[in-house]
Amino acid sequence: MRPATAFKVLTNAQMTALEHDGSFAGAPVDLADGYVHLSTFEQLTETVDKHFAGQDNLHVAEVDLEALGDAVKWEESRGGQLFPHLYAPLPLDAVIAYGPLHRDDTGRVKRPVTG
C-alpha cells in the first residue's frame, strides 16, 4: 500500500516562494525533469543526504498525495525504488505540515510538525 503523504525538500527561498505564491513550480532539477520530485518518509533521509549534502536552511513540506489526484505518478528511480512524482505545480493547500529540516539522534530526517 502506498503512503498517503510524501515530502518535498525546499531551500529557504523556495519555501518562501511557496508560502508567498501559494504554489511551487519546482526547483531547477524539477523544471528540467518535467515534474516535482517527492520522496516517501522512508526515502527522505537518503534524498537529503544525496541531493542536499552540505546545504543549510532547508525545509521539509509534507504533502497530501490524495489532494493531488492523478497529477502524482509513482515511477522507478534511485535503486529501482518507486518515487512519487508530481506532474503539476505543488499547491500550498496540499501541504499539510512544513518546517525547518531537523534530524533525530540517529541522523534521520524528522517529520515537520508545523503547518
N, C-alpha and C. Protein backbone atom coordinates (compact mmCIF):
# COMPACT_ATOMS: atom_id res chain seq x y z
N MET A 1 0.83 -1.18 0.00
CA MET A 1 0.00 0.00 0.00
C MET A 1 0.88 1.26 0.00
N ARG A 2 0.53 2.18 -0.85
CA ARG A 2 1.32 3.41 -0.95
C ARG A 2 0.94 4.38 0.17
N PRO A 3 1.93 5.17 0.62
CA PRO A 3 1.63 6.13 1.69
C PRO A 3 0.70 7.24 1.21
N ALA A 4 0.00 7.84 2.16
CA ALA A 4 -0.94 8.92 1.84
C ALA A 4 -0.24 10.27 1.71
N THR A 5 0.99 10.35 2.24
CA THR A 5 1.73 11.60 2.14
C THR A 5 3.13 11.36 1.58
N ALA A 6 3.72 12.43 1.06
CA ALA A 6 5.10 12.41 0.60
C ALA A 6 5.73 13.73 1.02
N PHE A 7 7.01 13.87 0.75
CA PHE A 7 7.77 15.01 1.26
C PHE A 7 8.56 15.68 0.15
N LYS A 8 8.62 17.01 0.25
CA LYS A 8 9.42 17.83 -0.66
C LYS A 8 10.42 18.60 0.17
N VAL A 9 11.69 18.54 -0.21
CA VAL A 9 12.75 19.31 0.44
C VAL A 9 12.89 20.61 -0.33
N LEU A 10 12.88 21.71 0.41
CA LEU A 10 12.92 23.04 -0.20
C LEU A 10 14.02 23.89 0.44
N THR A 11 14.64 24.73 -0.37
CA THR A 11 15.56 25.72 0.18
C THR A 11 14.73 26.80 0.87
N ASN A 12 15.39 27.65 1.61
CA ASN A 12 14.70 28.74 2.28
C ASN A 12 13.95 29.62 1.27
N ALA A 13 14.60 29.95 0.16
CA ALA A 13 13.98 30.78 -0.86
C ALA A 13 12.78 30.07 -1.50
N GLN A 14 12.89 28.77 -1.72
CA GLN A 14 11.78 28.01 -2.32
C GLN A 14 10.60 27.93 -1.36
N MET A 15 10.87 27.76 -0.06
CA MET A 15 9.80 27.71 0.93
C MET A 15 9.08 29.05 1.00
N THR A 16 9.85 30.12 0.97
CA THR A 16 9.27 31.47 0.97
C THR A 16 8.39 31.67 -0.26
N ALA A 17 8.86 31.22 -1.41
CA ALA A 17 8.07 31.35 -2.64
C ALA A 17 6.78 30.55 -2.55
N LEU A 18 6.83 29.33 -2.01
CA LEU A 18 5.62 28.51 -1.85
C LEU A 18 4.61 29.22 -0.95
N GLU A 19 5.08 29.75 0.16
CA GLU A 19 4.18 30.46 1.08
C GLU A 19 3.60 31.72 0.44
N HIS A 20 4.44 32.47 -0.26
CA HIS A 20 4.02 33.75 -0.84
C HIS A 20 3.11 33.56 -2.06
N ASP A 21 3.50 32.63 -2.95
CA ASP A 21 2.78 32.45 -4.21
C ASP A 21 1.60 31.48 -4.11
N GLY A 22 1.61 30.63 -3.06
CA GLY A 22 0.55 29.65 -2.92
C GLY A 22 0.77 28.39 -3.73
N SER A 23 1.87 28.35 -4.49
CA SER A 23 2.24 27.13 -5.22
C SER A 23 3.72 27.20 -5.54
N PHE A 24 4.28 26.05 -5.89
CA PHE A 24 5.71 25.94 -6.20
C PHE A 24 5.85 25.14 -7.48
N ALA A 25 6.38 25.78 -8.52
CA ALA A 25 6.52 25.12 -9.83
C ALA A 25 7.65 24.11 -9.85
N GLY A 26 8.62 24.27 -8.96
CA GLY A 26 9.70 23.30 -8.88
C GLY A 26 11.07 23.94 -8.79
N ALA A 27 11.99 23.15 -8.26
CA ALA A 27 13.41 23.53 -8.22
C ALA A 27 13.98 23.36 -9.63
N PRO A 28 15.18 23.86 -9.88
CA PRO A 28 15.75 23.69 -11.22
C PRO A 28 15.74 22.24 -11.72
N VAL A 29 16.04 21.27 -10.87
CA VAL A 29 16.03 19.87 -11.29
C VAL A 29 14.61 19.41 -11.64
N ASP A 30 13.62 19.91 -10.89
CA ASP A 30 12.23 19.56 -11.19
C ASP A 30 11.83 20.11 -12.55
N LEU A 31 12.15 21.36 -12.79
CA LEU A 31 11.80 22.00 -14.06
C LEU A 31 12.49 21.30 -15.23
N ALA A 32 13.74 20.89 -15.03
CA ALA A 32 14.48 20.18 -16.09
C ALA A 32 13.88 18.81 -16.37
N ASP A 33 13.42 18.11 -15.31
CA ASP A 33 12.87 16.76 -15.47
C ASP A 33 11.40 16.75 -15.85
N GLY A 34 10.70 17.86 -15.66
CA GLY A 34 9.30 17.94 -16.04
C GLY A 34 8.32 17.53 -14.96
N TYR A 35 8.80 17.37 -13.73
CA TYR A 35 7.92 17.02 -12.61
C TYR A 35 8.60 17.43 -11.31
N VAL A 36 7.80 17.58 -10.25
CA VAL A 36 8.32 17.90 -8.93
C VAL A 36 8.67 16.59 -8.23
N HIS A 37 9.94 16.46 -7.85
CA HIS A 37 10.41 15.27 -7.15
C HIS A 37 9.91 15.27 -5.71
N LEU A 38 9.29 14.18 -5.31
CA LEU A 38 8.86 13.97 -3.94
C LEU A 38 9.49 12.67 -3.43
N SER A 39 9.51 12.50 -2.13
CA SER A 39 10.02 11.27 -1.52
C SER A 39 9.04 10.80 -0.45
N THR A 40 8.98 9.48 -0.25
CA THR A 40 8.24 8.96 0.89
C THR A 40 9.06 9.26 2.15
N PHE A 41 8.45 9.07 3.31
CA PHE A 41 9.19 9.30 4.55
C PHE A 41 10.39 8.37 4.63
N GLU A 42 10.24 7.14 4.18
CA GLU A 42 11.34 6.17 4.23
C GLU A 42 12.49 6.58 3.30
N GLN A 43 12.20 7.32 2.24
CA GLN A 43 13.22 7.75 1.27
C GLN A 43 13.82 9.11 1.61
N LEU A 44 13.20 9.84 2.54
CA LEU A 44 13.53 11.24 2.77
C LEU A 44 14.96 11.47 3.21
N THR A 45 15.46 10.74 4.19
CA THR A 45 16.82 10.97 4.69
C THR A 45 17.84 10.72 3.58
N GLU A 46 17.66 9.65 2.82
CA GLU A 46 18.59 9.36 1.72
C GLU A 46 18.54 10.47 0.66
N THR A 47 17.35 10.98 0.38
CA THR A 47 17.21 12.08 -0.58
C THR A 47 17.98 13.31 -0.10
N VAL A 48 17.82 13.67 1.15
CA VAL A 48 18.51 14.84 1.70
C VAL A 48 20.02 14.61 1.65
N ASP A 49 20.47 13.44 2.09
CA ASP A 49 21.90 13.15 2.13
C ASP A 49 22.52 13.15 0.73
N LYS A 50 21.78 12.67 -0.25
CA LYS A 50 22.31 12.56 -1.62
C LYS A 50 22.24 13.88 -2.39
N HIS A 51 21.13 14.58 -2.29
CA HIS A 51 20.90 15.74 -3.16
C HIS A 51 21.06 17.10 -2.48
N PHE A 52 21.15 17.12 -1.14
CA PHE A 52 21.22 18.39 -0.42
C PHE A 52 22.39 18.43 0.56
N ALA A 53 23.38 17.57 0.38
CA ALA A 53 24.52 17.48 1.29
C ALA A 53 25.21 18.84 1.40
N GLY A 54 25.49 19.24 2.64
CA GLY A 54 26.21 20.48 2.88
C GLY A 54 25.37 21.74 2.82
N GLN A 55 24.09 21.62 2.50
CA GLN A 55 23.23 22.80 2.41
C GLN A 55 22.56 23.07 3.76
N ASP A 56 22.46 24.33 4.09
CA ASP A 56 21.79 24.75 5.31
C ASP A 56 20.46 25.40 4.95
N ASN A 57 19.69 25.74 5.96
CA ASN A 57 18.41 26.44 5.77
C ASN A 57 17.45 25.68 4.86
N LEU A 58 17.39 24.37 5.04
CA LEU A 58 16.45 23.56 4.27
C LEU A 58 15.15 23.39 5.04
N HIS A 59 14.09 23.18 4.29
CA HIS A 59 12.77 22.97 4.86
C HIS A 59 12.19 21.68 4.29
N VAL A 60 11.28 21.09 5.04
CA VAL A 60 10.58 19.89 4.59
C VAL A 60 9.09 20.18 4.59
N ALA A 61 8.44 19.87 3.47
CA ALA A 61 6.99 20.01 3.36
C ALA A 61 6.38 18.62 3.22
N GLU A 62 5.39 18.32 4.07
CA GLU A 62 4.66 17.07 3.97
C GLU A 62 3.42 17.33 3.12
N VAL A 63 3.24 16.52 2.09
CA VAL A 63 2.24 16.75 1.06
C VAL A 63 1.18 15.65 1.09
N ASP A 64 -0.08 16.05 1.05
CA ASP A 64 -1.21 15.12 0.96
C ASP A 64 -1.33 14.67 -0.49
N LEU A 65 -0.96 13.42 -0.75
CA LEU A 65 -0.97 12.92 -2.13
C LEU A 65 -2.38 12.79 -2.69
N GLU A 66 -3.35 12.46 -1.86
CA GLU A 66 -4.73 12.34 -2.34
C GLU A 66 -5.25 13.66 -2.88
N ALA A 67 -4.84 14.76 -2.27
CA ALA A 67 -5.28 16.09 -2.72
C ALA A 67 -4.74 16.41 -4.11
N LEU A 68 -3.67 15.73 -4.51
CA LEU A 68 -3.06 16.00 -5.82
C LEU A 68 -3.62 15.12 -6.92
N GLY A 69 -4.36 14.09 -6.55
CA GLY A 69 -5.05 13.24 -7.52
C GLY A 69 -4.14 12.60 -8.55
N ASP A 70 -4.59 12.64 -9.79
CA ASP A 70 -3.88 11.96 -10.89
C ASP A 70 -2.60 12.65 -11.32
N ALA A 71 -2.30 13.82 -10.74
CA ALA A 71 -1.05 14.51 -11.09
C ALA A 71 0.17 13.80 -10.50
N VAL A 72 -0.06 12.86 -9.55
CA VAL A 72 1.03 12.10 -8.95
C VAL A 72 1.18 10.77 -9.67
N LYS A 73 2.40 10.50 -10.10
CA LYS A 73 2.73 9.22 -10.74
C LYS A 73 3.86 8.58 -9.93
N TRP A 74 3.72 7.29 -9.64
CA TRP A 74 4.76 6.55 -8.94
C TRP A 74 5.67 5.94 -10.00
N GLU A 75 6.94 6.36 -9.99
CA GLU A 75 7.86 5.94 -11.03
C GLU A 75 9.18 5.46 -10.43
N GLU A 76 9.78 4.51 -11.13
CA GLU A 76 11.04 3.94 -10.69
C GLU A 76 12.16 4.97 -10.82
N SER A 77 12.97 5.02 -9.79
CA SER A 77 14.10 5.95 -9.79
C SER A 77 15.25 5.29 -9.04
N ARG A 78 15.91 6.03 -8.19
CA ARG A 78 17.11 5.61 -7.48
C ARG A 78 17.01 4.17 -6.96
N GLY A 79 17.88 3.33 -7.46
CA GLY A 79 17.96 1.96 -6.99
C GLY A 79 16.73 1.12 -7.26
N GLY A 80 15.92 1.52 -8.25
CA GLY A 80 14.73 0.77 -8.58
C GLY A 80 13.54 1.06 -7.68
N GLN A 81 13.69 1.98 -6.72
CA GLN A 81 12.59 2.33 -5.83
C GLN A 81 11.54 3.15 -6.58
N LEU A 82 10.30 3.02 -6.16
CA LEU A 82 9.22 3.84 -6.71
C LEU A 82 9.15 5.14 -5.91
N PHE A 83 9.19 6.25 -6.64
CA PHE A 83 9.09 7.58 -6.03
C PHE A 83 7.85 8.28 -6.55
N PRO A 84 7.20 9.10 -5.70
CA PRO A 84 6.08 9.90 -6.18
C PRO A 84 6.60 11.13 -6.92
N HIS A 85 6.13 11.30 -8.15
CA HIS A 85 6.49 12.47 -8.97
C HIS A 85 5.22 13.25 -9.25
N LEU A 86 5.28 14.55 -9.04
CA LEU A 86 4.13 15.42 -9.23
C LEU A 86 4.24 16.14 -10.56
N TYR A 87 3.31 15.85 -11.48
CA TYR A 87 3.31 16.46 -12.80
C TYR A 87 2.40 17.68 -12.82
N ALA A 88 2.64 18.59 -11.89
CA ALA A 88 1.91 19.85 -11.77
C ALA A 88 2.65 20.67 -10.71
N PRO A 89 2.39 21.96 -10.63
CA PRO A 89 2.96 22.72 -9.52
C PRO A 89 2.42 22.20 -8.19
N LEU A 90 3.22 22.34 -7.15
CA LEU A 90 2.82 21.92 -5.81
C LEU A 90 2.00 23.04 -5.18
N PRO A 91 0.70 22.82 -4.93
CA PRO A 91 -0.11 23.87 -4.30
C PRO A 91 0.06 23.86 -2.79
N LEU A 92 0.12 25.04 -2.22
CA LEU A 92 0.27 25.17 -0.77
C LEU A 92 -0.87 24.49 -0.03
N ASP A 93 -2.07 24.48 -0.61
CA ASP A 93 -3.19 23.87 0.09
C ASP A 93 -3.11 22.35 0.17
N ALA A 94 -2.17 21.72 -0.55
CA ALA A 94 -1.93 20.28 -0.42
C ALA A 94 -0.85 19.97 0.61
N VAL A 95 -0.20 21.01 1.13
CA VAL A 95 0.85 20.84 2.14
C VAL A 95 0.18 20.81 3.51
N ILE A 96 0.33 19.68 4.20
CA ILE A 96 -0.35 19.52 5.50
C ILE A 96 0.54 19.87 6.68
N ALA A 97 1.85 19.92 6.47
CA ALA A 97 2.80 20.34 7.51
C ALA A 97 4.09 20.75 6.83
N TYR A 98 4.77 21.72 7.42
CA TYR A 98 6.08 22.09 6.92
C TYR A 98 6.87 22.78 8.00
N GLY A 99 8.17 22.78 7.83
CA GLY A 99 9.03 23.42 8.80
C GLY A 99 10.48 23.18 8.46
N PRO A 100 11.38 23.77 9.25
CA PRO A 100 12.81 23.57 9.03
C PRO A 100 13.19 22.10 9.12
N LEU A 101 14.17 21.70 8.35
CA LEU A 101 14.65 20.33 8.37
C LEU A 101 15.41 20.09 9.67
N HIS A 102 14.98 19.07 10.40
CA HIS A 102 15.66 18.65 11.63
C HIS A 102 15.89 17.14 11.56
N ARG A 103 16.92 16.70 12.27
CA ARG A 103 17.23 15.27 12.33
C ARG A 103 17.11 14.78 13.77
N ASP A 104 16.82 13.47 13.90
CA ASP A 104 16.79 12.88 15.24
C ASP A 104 18.20 12.46 15.65
N ASP A 105 18.31 11.81 16.78
CA ASP A 105 19.63 11.42 17.31
C ASP A 105 20.37 10.44 16.43
N THR A 106 19.65 9.73 15.56
CA THR A 106 20.29 8.76 14.67
C THR A 106 20.67 9.37 13.32
N GLY A 107 20.30 10.65 13.10
CA GLY A 107 20.60 11.31 11.83
C GLY A 107 19.47 11.27 10.83
N ARG A 108 18.39 10.60 11.19
CA ARG A 108 17.23 10.51 10.29
C ARG A 108 16.46 11.83 10.29
N VAL A 109 16.03 12.26 9.10
CA VAL A 109 15.25 13.48 8.99
C VAL A 109 13.91 13.28 9.67
N LYS A 110 13.51 14.27 10.49
CA LYS A 110 12.24 14.19 11.21
C LYS A 110 11.11 14.78 10.37
N ARG A 111 9.90 14.31 10.65
CA ARG A 111 8.72 14.87 10.01
C ARG A 111 8.52 16.31 10.48
N PRO A 112 8.02 17.18 9.61
CA PRO A 112 7.72 18.55 10.05
C PRO A 112 6.51 18.52 11.00
N VAL A 113 6.46 19.47 11.91
CA VAL A 113 5.39 19.47 12.90
C VAL A 113 4.52 20.73 12.85
N THR A 114 4.89 21.69 12.03
CA THR A 114 4.10 22.92 11.92
C THR A 114 3.48 23.02 10.54
N GLY A 115 2.46 23.83 10.41
CA GLY A 115 1.83 24.00 9.10
C GLY A 115 1.16 25.31 8.99
